[in-house]
Amino acid sequence: MSRPEYRRNVRLWVAGTGISVAGDAALSVALSVWVKELTGSNGQAGLAFLAFLAPRLLTPFTAVLADRLRRRPLVVVLNLLLAAWVSLALLVDGPAGVPLLYLVLFGVGLGTGLHHAAGTALLTRLVPAERLGATNAVLRTAQEVGLLVAPAVGTALYVAFGARAVAALDAATFVLCAALVAAVRVHEPRPEPRRGSRWAELTAGLVHVAGTAGIRRVVLAMGGALLVFGFFESIVFAVVDEGLHRPAAFLGVLATVKGAGSVAGGLLAVRIVRGLPAGGEARLTVLGLGLLGLGSAVMLLPAVPAVLAGAAVVGLGIPMAIVGLFTVAQQHTPPHLQGRVAGAAGTLVTAPQVASVAVGAVLIGWVDFRVLLAVVAATVLLAAGCLAARTRTGRAADTGVLPEDLPTKVS
């Protein structure tokens, strides 16, 4: 693949995925607020977020489609189907339509999980192996920009025109994403036939993650860190209220600072990963986790500048940790398993975070937020230290995968 064609494909893919992520973020916020308005219930509004997030736990199994179908056409068709699916929200006109909103969010969550798995796999065909890390960082930066801007855009649309306008916007982003991905030029070989039983096929991604030392180390470190980092979602309210004695609106300032930090972290990750030796992508996750732990520790200081600085450092670390994780997974996985391994790795680190969000919501009522924040900082730094101690330059012999099965450069 020529350099101009490679750059063209990357621009199309990054633009399409970034637009789609931004639309989803705006939709999840707007529909949750809509549920609150229709029902007057905080609990039912919270269920809207759960309806959007819970389907991600199924991604290791739905991702089998990403390994049994050509991935570019799959992403195109999937996004067109999601555009039609999200349009169902336009039918809601009262409290009786709330279950339909949950169904819409569930479908979007399920579809975006499959999109991520298929996209992560497709990237190994679009990009030479040595450029995967940098391209993942560029992609993550685009997504962070979308996540930073989308809530504000979604809220403005909701206030001005209502939730239906946000649903229409998300449908449009799916169509635009499909068009951009359809313009990507890539040769995809015929998918391999099924190997073994149906159950073996469905669980192959999980089995590969568990049996491949290079991936397993990073997943365990990320999962261990996120098992407590989810507390942060509840802690931040107490930091603002009890620590800084500021109104709840100050949370918007913190979220913006953290989001800006994430954009900066993605851009910095592009430069860092280019300087890493082959097989050293796990070091980026070490750095990311270290920044998450450091930022959490700084937020213990009861001063606005310190809390803002801590939030920025936390944001800085998020894309680095994620880019390192998925680049390691791509580099240590044969082509026929890329989709399922991406789905498995993502779910294995997301599930602990979802659980810790729920636990943190309970603990914050019983334990001082400073104690919880100290636990978060210490645990995340410990995870980073353990991964650093166990990480070394990756070799095919260390992965349990034969060299000829590893992803190769695009030719």
Protein backbone atom coordinates (compact mmCIF):
# COMPACT_ATOMS: atom_id res chain seq x y z
CA MET A 1 0.00 0.00 0.00
CA SER A 2 1.44 3.38 -1.01
CA ARG A 3 1.98 6.08 1.62
CA PRO A 4 -0.64 8.46 0.11
CA GLU A 5 -3.24 5.66 0.03
CA TYR A 6 -2.40 4.68 3.61
CA ARG A 7 -2.85 8.28 4.77
CA ARG A 8 -6.12 8.62 2.85
CA ASN A 9 -7.51 5.46 4.43
CA VAL A 10 -6.48 6.52 7.92
CA ARG A 11 -8.08 9.97 7.50
CA LEU A 12 -11.34 8.42 6.32
CA TRP A 13 -11.39 5.84 9.10
CA VAL A 14 -10.48 8.30 11.87
CA ALA A 15 -13.05 10.84 10.66
CA GLY A 16 -15.82 8.26 10.36
CA THR A 17 -15.20 6.68 13.74
CA GLY A 18 -14.71 10.01 15.52
CA ILE A 19 -18.00 11.38 14.15
CA SER A 20 -19.86 8.22 15.15
CA VAL A 21 -18.47 8.26 18.70
CA ALA A 22 -19.43 11.92 19.12
CA GLY A 23 -23.00 11.21 18.00
CA ASP A 24 -23.31 8.29 20.42
CA ALA A 25 -22.05 10.40 23.32
CA ALA A 26 -24.56 13.14 22.59
CA LEU A 27 -27.37 10.59 22.26
CA SER A 28 -26.67 8.78 25.54
CA VAL A 29 -26.74 12.06 27.48
CA ALA A 30 -29.83 13.44 25.74
CA LEU A 31 -31.92 10.30 26.03
CA SER A 32 -31.04 9.93 29.72
CA VAL A 33 -32.18 13.50 30.34
CA TRP A 34 -35.32 12.79 28.31
CA VAL A 35 -36.10 9.74 30.47
CA LYS A 36 -35.68 11.94 33.55
CA GLU A 37 -38.11 14.51 32.15
CA LEU A 38 -40.67 11.88 31.13
CA THR A 39 -40.60 9.94 34.41
CA GLY A 40 -39.25 12.36 37.02
CA SER A 41 -37.09 9.48 38.28
CA ASN A 42 -33.32 9.65 38.78
CA GLY A 43 -33.24 5.86 38.95
CA GLN A 44 -34.90 5.43 35.57
CA ALA A 45 -32.57 8.04 34.08
CA GLY A 46 -29.63 6.03 35.45
CA LEU A 47 -31.06 2.90 33.84
CA ALA A 48 -30.75 4.68 30.50
CA PHE A 49 -26.96 4.84 30.93
CA LEU A 50 -26.99 1.18 31.99
CA ALA A 51 -28.98 0.24 28.88
CA PHE A 52 -26.25 1.89 26.78
CA LEU A 53 -23.29 0.36 28.63
CA ALA A 54 -24.50 -3.15 29.53
CA PRO A 55 -24.48 -4.55 25.95
CA ARG A 56 -20.71 -4.01 25.83
CA LEU A 57 -20.39 -7.08 28.05
CA LEU A 58 -21.65 -9.15 25.09
CA THR A 59 -18.97 -7.88 22.70
CA PRO A 60 -16.63 -10.88 23.11
CA PHE A 61 -19.42 -12.99 21.66
CA THR A 62 -20.94 -10.63 19.08
CA ALA A 63 -17.42 -9.90 17.80
CA VAL A 64 -17.38 -13.31 16.16
CA LEU A 65 -19.11 -11.52 13.26
CA ALA A 66 -16.02 -9.34 12.88
CA ASP A 67 -13.96 -12.46 12.21
CA ARG A 68 -16.51 -14.27 10.03
CA LEU A 69 -17.40 -11.42 7.68
CA ARG A 70 -15.33 -8.90 5.76
CA ARG A 71 -14.90 -6.06 8.19
CA ARG A 72 -15.26 -2.96 6.01
CA PRO A 73 -18.66 -4.00 4.57
CA LEU A 74 -19.70 -5.12 8.06
CA VAL A 75 -18.98 -1.68 9.54
CA VAL A 76 -20.77 0.06 6.67
CA VAL A 77 -23.93 -2.07 6.93
CA LEU A 78 -23.85 -1.94 10.74
CA ASN A 79 -23.81 1.86 10.77
CA LEU A 80 -26.69 2.06 8.29
CA LEU A 81 -28.70 -0.32 10.46
CA LEU A 82 -27.89 1.76 13.54
CA ALA A 83 -29.06 4.90 11.76
CA ALA A 84 -32.43 3.26 11.19
CA TRP A 85 -32.50 1.83 14.72
CA VAL A 86 -31.84 5.13 16.51
CA SER A 87 -34.61 6.73 14.46
CA LEU A 88 -37.08 4.67 16.51
CA ALA A 89 -36.60 7.26 19.26
CA LEU A 90 -38.55 9.69 17.08
CA LEU A 91 -41.69 7.64 17.81
CA VAL A 92 -41.60 8.37 21.55
CA ASP A 93 -44.16 10.97 22.65
CA GLY A 94 -44.73 10.28 26.35
CA PRO A 95 -43.83 8.22 29.43
CA ALA A 96 -45.19 5.06 27.80
CA GLY A 97 -42.35 5.29 25.28
CA VAL A 98 -39.56 5.03 27.87
CA PRO A 99 -39.07 1.27 27.30
CA LEU A 100 -38.51 2.05 23.61
CA LEU A 101 -35.80 4.54 24.57
CA TYR A 102 -34.10 1.83 26.65
CA LEU A 103 -34.33 -0.51 23.65
CA VAL A 104 -32.82 2.11 21.36
CA LEU A 105 -29.91 2.68 23.75
CA PHE A 106 -29.39 -1.07 24.18
CA GLY A 107 -29.20 -1.55 20.40
CA VAL A 108 -26.81 1.36 19.94
CA GLY A 109 -24.58 0.05 22.75
CA LEU A 110 -24.57 -3.43 21.21
CA GLY A 111 -23.82 -2.08 17.74
CA THR A 112 -21.05 0.28 18.79
CA GLY A 113 -19.33 -2.55 20.66
CA LEU A 114 -19.31 -4.61 17.45
CA HIS A 115 -18.15 -1.56 15.48
CA HIS A 116 -15.18 -1.16 17.82
CA ALA A 117 -14.21 -4.82 17.55
CA ALA A 118 -14.51 -4.88 13.76
CA GLY A 119 -12.75 -1.54 13.44
CA THR A 120 -9.83 -2.57 15.62
CA ALA A 121 -9.45 -5.69 13.47
CA LEU A 122 -9.79 -3.77 10.19
CA LEU A 123 -7.08 -1.34 11.26
CA THR A 124 -4.53 -4.17 11.09
CA ARG A 125 -5.29 -4.38 7.34
CA LEU A 126 -5.26 -0.62 6.77
CA VAL A 127 -2.03 0.17 8.60
CA PRO A 128 1.47 -1.35 8.51
CA ALA A 129 2.28 -3.17 11.75
CA GLU A 130 4.91 -0.64 12.85
CA ARG A 131 2.39 2.22 12.57
CA LEU A 132 -0.45 0.63 14.52
CA GLY A 133 0.42 2.33 17.79
CA ALA A 134 0.61 5.82 16.31
CA THR A 135 -2.59 5.31 14.32
CA ASN A 136 -4.43 4.04 17.40
CA ALA A 137 -3.29 7.19 19.21
CA VAL A 138 -4.57 9.44 16.41
CA LEU A 139 -7.88 7.58 16.42
CA ARG A 140 -8.19 7.88 20.19
CA THR A 141 -7.44 11.61 20.00
CA ALA A 142 -10.27 12.08 17.50
CA GLN A 143 -12.60 10.15 19.79
CA GLU A 144 -11.59 12.25 22.80
CA VAL A 145 -12.32 15.43 20.84
CA GLY A 146 -15.77 14.02 20.08
CA LEU A 147 -16.34 13.06 23.71
CA LEU A 148 -15.29 16.57 24.80
CA VAL A 149 -17.54 18.42 22.36
CA ALA A 150 -20.52 16.07 22.03
CA PRO A 151 -22.16 16.56 25.47
CA ALA A 152 -22.23 20.33 24.97
CA VAL A 153 -23.61 20.02 21.43
CA GLY A 154 -26.15 17.41 22.54
CA THR A 155 -27.29 19.53 25.47
CA ALA A 156 -27.65 22.63 23.28
CA LEU A 157 -29.69 20.70 20.72
CA TYR A 158 -31.81 19.18 23.46
CA VAL A 159 -32.59 22.54 25.02
CA ALA A 160 -33.30 24.21 21.67
CA PHE A 161 -35.13 21.48 19.76
CA GLY A 162 -35.67 18.50 22.08
CA ALA A 163 -34.29 14.96 22.24
CA ARG A 164 -35.63 14.02 18.81
CA ALA A 165 -33.17 16.45 17.26
CA VAL A 166 -30.29 14.68 19.02
CA ALA A 167 -31.57 11.28 17.82
CA ALA A 168 -31.74 12.65 14.27
CA LEU A 169 -28.17 13.96 14.66
CA ASP A 170 -26.93 10.55 15.81
CA ALA A 171 -28.68 8.88 12.88
CA ALA A 172 -26.92 11.31 10.55
CA THR A 173 -23.54 10.55 12.12
CA PHE A 174 -24.08 6.83 11.51
CA VAL A 175 -24.88 7.49 7.84
CA LEU A 176 -21.84 9.75 7.47
CA CYS A 177 -19.62 7.17 9.16
CA ALA A 178 -20.91 4.50 6.76
CA ALA A 179 -20.15 6.73 3.77
CA LEU A 180 -16.61 7.50 4.94
CA VAL A 181 -15.80 3.85 5.72
CA ALA A 182 -17.25 2.78 2.35
CA ALA A 183 -14.71 5.08 0.69
CA VAL A 184 -11.80 3.25 2.36
CA ARG A 185 -9.78 1.13 -0.08
CA VAL A 186 -8.56 -2.11 1.42
CA HIS A 187 -8.11 -5.68 0.29
CA GLU A 188 -9.62 -8.14 2.75
CA PRO A 189 -9.04 -11.85 2.23
CA ARG A 190 -11.94 -14.26 2.46
CA PRO A 191 -12.67 -14.92 6.16
CA GLU A 192 -11.54 -18.31 7.41
CA PRO A 193 -14.17 -20.99 8.03
CA ARG A 194 -15.19 -21.85 11.56
CA ARG A 195 -12.71 -23.87 13.59
CA GLY A 196 -14.03 -26.27 16.22
CA SER A 197 -17.35 -26.08 18.03
CA ARG A 198 -19.69 -23.11 18.19
CA TRP A 199 -18.75 -22.50 21.83
CA ALA A 200 -15.03 -22.61 20.99
CA GLU A 201 -15.64 -20.05 18.26
CA LEU A 202 -17.55 -17.72 20.58
CA THR A 203 -14.96 -17.89 23.36
CA ALA A 204 -11.83 -17.91 21.18
CA GLY A 205 -11.06 -14.26 21.95
CA LEU A 206 -11.23 -14.79 25.71
CA VAL A 207 -9.12 -17.94 25.44
CA HIS A 208 -6.48 -16.12 23.37
CA VAL A 209 -6.26 -13.25 25.85
CA ALA A 210 -5.90 -15.68 28.76
CA GLY A 211 -3.26 -17.75 26.96
CA THR A 212 -1.12 -14.93 25.52
CA ALA A 213 1.24 -13.53 28.13
CA GLY A 214 1.80 -10.19 26.41
CA ILE A 215 -1.90 -9.37 26.27
CA ARG A 216 -2.76 -10.98 29.59
CA ARG A 217 -0.30 -8.82 31.52
CA VAL A 218 -1.77 -5.58 30.18
CA VAL A 219 -5.39 -6.70 30.60
CA LEU A 220 -4.76 -7.76 34.21
CA ALA A 221 -3.08 -4.44 35.02
CA MET A 222 -5.84 -2.41 33.38
CA GLY A 223 -8.60 -4.52 34.92
CA GLY A 224 -7.02 -4.30 38.36
CA ALA A 225 -6.68 -0.52 38.11
CA LEU A 226 -10.21 0.01 36.83
CA LEU A 227 -11.59 -2.23 39.56
CA VAL A 228 -11.19 0.80 41.84
CA PHE A 229 -10.93 3.66 39.36
CA GLY A 230 -14.69 3.50 38.86
CA PHE A 231 -14.99 4.95 42.38
CA PHE A 232 -13.84 8.20 40.79
CA GLU A 233 -17.30 8.76 39.28
CA SER A 234 -18.76 9.20 42.79
CA ILE A 235 -15.66 10.64 44.47
CA VAL A 236 -15.56 13.66 42.16
CA PHE A 237 -18.89 14.92 43.51
CA ALA A 238 -17.52 14.85 47.06
CA VAL A 239 -14.27 16.50 45.96
CA VAL A 240 -16.24 19.45 44.58
CA ASP A 241 -18.77 19.66 47.43
CA GLU A 242 -16.89 18.65 50.58
CA GLY A 243 -13.31 19.29 49.50
CA LEU A 244 -13.58 22.54 47.55
CA HIS A 245 -16.97 23.75 48.83
CA ARG A 246 -18.01 24.60 45.31
CA PRO A 247 -21.46 24.24 43.67
CA ALA A 248 -22.28 21.17 41.59
CA ALA A 249 -21.90 23.23 38.41
CA PHE A 250 -18.13 23.17 39.03
CA LEU A 251 -18.24 19.54 37.90
CA GLY A 252 -18.62 20.87 34.37
CA VAL A 253 -15.32 22.71 34.74
CA LEU A 254 -13.59 19.55 35.97
CA ALA A 255 -15.06 17.50 33.13
CA THR A 256 -13.85 20.04 30.57
CA VAL A 257 -10.34 20.12 32.04
CA LYS A 258 -10.18 16.33 32.12
CA GLY A 259 -11.46 16.15 28.53
CA ALA A 260 -8.87 18.66 27.36
CA GLY A 261 -6.22 16.59 29.14
CA SER A 262 -7.40 13.50 27.26
CA VAL A 263 -7.09 15.28 23.90
CA ALA A 264 -3.56 16.36 24.85
CA GLY A 265 -2.81 12.82 26.05
CA GLY A 266 -3.85 11.36 22.72
CA LEU A 267 -1.62 13.79 20.82
CA LEU A 268 1.29 13.08 23.16
CA ALA A 269 0.74 9.33 22.79
CA VAL A 270 1.29 9.66 19.03
CA ARG A 271 4.79 10.99 19.66
CA ILE A 272 5.63 8.61 22.48
CA VAL A 273 4.60 5.42 20.72
CA ARG A 274 6.75 6.29 17.71
CA GLY A 275 9.79 6.26 19.97
CA LEU A 276 9.04 2.90 21.59
CA PRO A 277 10.95 -0.21 20.50
CA ALA A 278 9.06 -2.93 18.66
CA GLY A 279 7.01 -4.89 21.19
CA GLY A 280 7.26 -2.13 23.79
CA GLU A 281 3.73 -0.75 23.45
CA ALA A 282 2.79 -1.98 26.94
CA ARG A 283 5.03 0.78 28.31
CA LEU A 284 2.46 3.28 27.08
CA THR A 285 -0.14 1.60 29.31
CA VAL A 286 2.32 1.75 32.21
CA LEU A 287 2.71 5.50 31.65
CA GLY A 288 -1.05 5.98 31.30
CA LEU A 289 -1.84 4.14 34.52
CA GLY A 290 0.92 6.02 36.30
CA LEU A 291 -0.64 9.32 35.26
CA LEU A 292 -4.09 8.15 36.39
CA GLY A 293 -2.69 7.30 39.82
CA LEU A 294 -0.66 10.51 40.07
CA GLY A 295 -3.60 12.68 39.05
CA SER A 296 -5.84 11.00 41.62
CA ALA A 297 -3.24 11.64 44.33
CA VAL A 298 -2.90 15.32 43.42
CA MET A 299 -6.68 15.73 43.70
CA LEU A 300 -6.36 14.94 47.42
CA LEU A 301 -5.04 18.46 47.94
CA PRO A 302 -7.93 20.76 49.00
CA ALA A 303 -7.22 23.58 46.56
CA VAL A 304 -8.85 24.41 43.23
CA PRO A 305 -5.56 24.66 41.26
CA ALA A 306 -4.45 21.24 42.57
CA VAL A 307 -7.78 19.57 41.78
CA LEU A 308 -7.83 21.05 38.28
CA ALA A 309 -4.23 19.95 37.72
CA GLY A 310 -5.06 16.46 38.98
CA ALA A 311 -8.07 16.22 36.66
CA ALA A 312 -5.90 17.26 33.71
CA VAL A 313 -3.29 14.61 34.57
CA VAL A 314 -5.99 11.95 34.89
CA GLY A 315 -7.28 12.97 31.45
CA LEU A 316 -3.76 12.84 30.07
CA GLY A 317 -3.35 9.23 31.16
CA ILE A 318 -6.65 7.80 29.85
CA PRO A 319 -5.83 7.63 26.11
CA MET A 320 -2.29 6.40 26.76
CA ALA A 321 -3.50 3.44 28.81
CA ILE A 322 -6.15 2.54 26.23
CA VAL A 323 -3.89 2.92 23.18
CA GLY A 324 -1.25 0.72 24.79
CA LEU A 325 -3.79 -1.98 25.59
CA PHE A 326 -5.30 -2.29 22.11
CA THR A 327 -2.00 -1.95 20.27
CA VAL A 328 -0.57 -4.82 22.33
CA ALA A 329 -3.69 -6.88 21.54
CA GLN A 330 -3.36 -6.19 17.81
CA GLN A 331 0.36 -6.96 17.74
CA HIS A 332 -0.05 -10.30 19.52
CA THR A 333 -3.07 -11.67 17.70
CA PRO A 334 -3.33 -13.57 14.40
CA PRO A 335 -5.61 -12.04 11.72
CA HIS A 336 -8.48 -14.53 12.09
CA LEU A 337 -8.92 -13.64 15.80
CA GLN A 338 -8.47 -9.86 15.73
CA GLY A 339 -12.15 -8.98 16.17
CA ARG A 340 -12.84 -11.36 19.03
CA VAL A 341 -9.65 -10.48 20.88
CA ALA A 342 -10.41 -6.75 20.62
CA GLY A 343 -13.89 -7.43 21.97
CA ALA A 344 -12.61 -9.64 24.78
CA ALA A 345 -9.84 -7.25 25.84
CA GLY A 346 -12.23 -4.30 25.88
CA THR A 347 -14.85 -6.13 27.92
CA LEU A 348 -12.36 -7.57 30.41
CA VAL A 349 -11.24 -4.07 31.39
CA THR A 350 -14.67 -2.43 31.11
CA ALA A 351 -16.55 -4.92 33.30
CA PRO A 352 -14.44 -4.18 36.44
CA GLN A 353 -14.93 -0.47 35.88
CA VAL A 354 -18.71 -0.81 35.60
CA ALA A 355 -18.76 -2.88 38.79
CA SER A 356 -16.58 -0.38 40.64
CA VAL A 357 -18.85 2.51 39.63
CA ALA A 358 -21.72 0.71 41.38
CA VAL A 359 -19.60 -0.13 44.45
CA GLY A 360 -18.25 3.40 44.64
CA ALA A 361 -21.77 4.83 44.63
CA VAL A 362 -22.44 2.81 47.80
CA LEU A 363 -19.10 3.37 49.54
CA ILE A 364 -19.16 7.15 49.12
CA GLY A 365 -22.02 7.28 51.63
CA TRP A 366 -20.02 5.40 54.28
CA VAL A 367 -16.33 6.15 53.70
CA ASP A 368 -14.61 9.55 53.61
CA PHE A 369 -13.90 10.51 49.99
CA ARG A 370 -10.24 11.20 50.82
CA VAL A 371 -9.77 7.59 51.92
CA LEU A 372 -11.41 6.32 48.73
CA LEU A 373 -9.33 8.65 46.56
CA ALA A 374 -6.16 7.49 48.32
CA VAL A 375 -7.17 3.87 47.68
CA VAL A 376 -7.73 4.67 44.00
CA ALA A 377 -4.35 6.39 43.67
CA ALA A 378 -2.45 3.64 45.49
CA THR A 379 -4.13 0.77 43.62
CA VAL A 380 -3.70 2.31 40.17
CA LEU A 381 -0.03 3.12 40.87
CA LEU A 382 0.48 -0.43 42.12
CA ALA A 383 -1.04 -1.80 38.90
CA ALA A 384 1.28 0.44 36.87
CA GLY A 385 4.30 -0.71 38.89
CA CYS A 386 3.42 -4.39 38.53
CA LEU A 387 2.98 -4.03 34.77
CA ALA A 388 6.25 -2.12 34.47
CA ALA A 389 8.09 -4.84 36.39
CA ARG A 390 6.70 -7.59 34.19
CA THR A 391 6.97 -5.81 30.85
CA ARG A 392 9.89 -6.38 28.55
CA THR A 393 10.45 -6.14 24.82
CA GLY A 394 7.82 -8.38 23.25
CA ARG A 395 8.81 -11.37 21.17
CA ALA A 396 6.64 -13.82 19.28
CA ALA A 397 7.97 -16.63 21.47
CA ASP A 398 6.54 -14.85 24.52
CA THR A 399 3.02 -14.68 23.12
CA GLY A 400 2.19 -18.27 22.45
CA VAL A 401 1.50 -17.31 18.81
CA LEU A 402 3.59 -18.60 15.95
CA PRO A 403 5.53 -15.89 14.10
CA GLU A 404 3.82 -16.72 10.81
CA ASP A 405 0.42 -16.12 12.46
CA LEU A 406 1.23 -12.61 13.63
CA PRO A 407 -0.20 -9.61 11.73
CA THR A 408 2.04 -8.63 8.85
CA LYS A 409 2.61 -5.39 7.05
CA VAL A 410 0.07 -4.41 4.42
CA SER A 411 1.47 -5.02 0.98
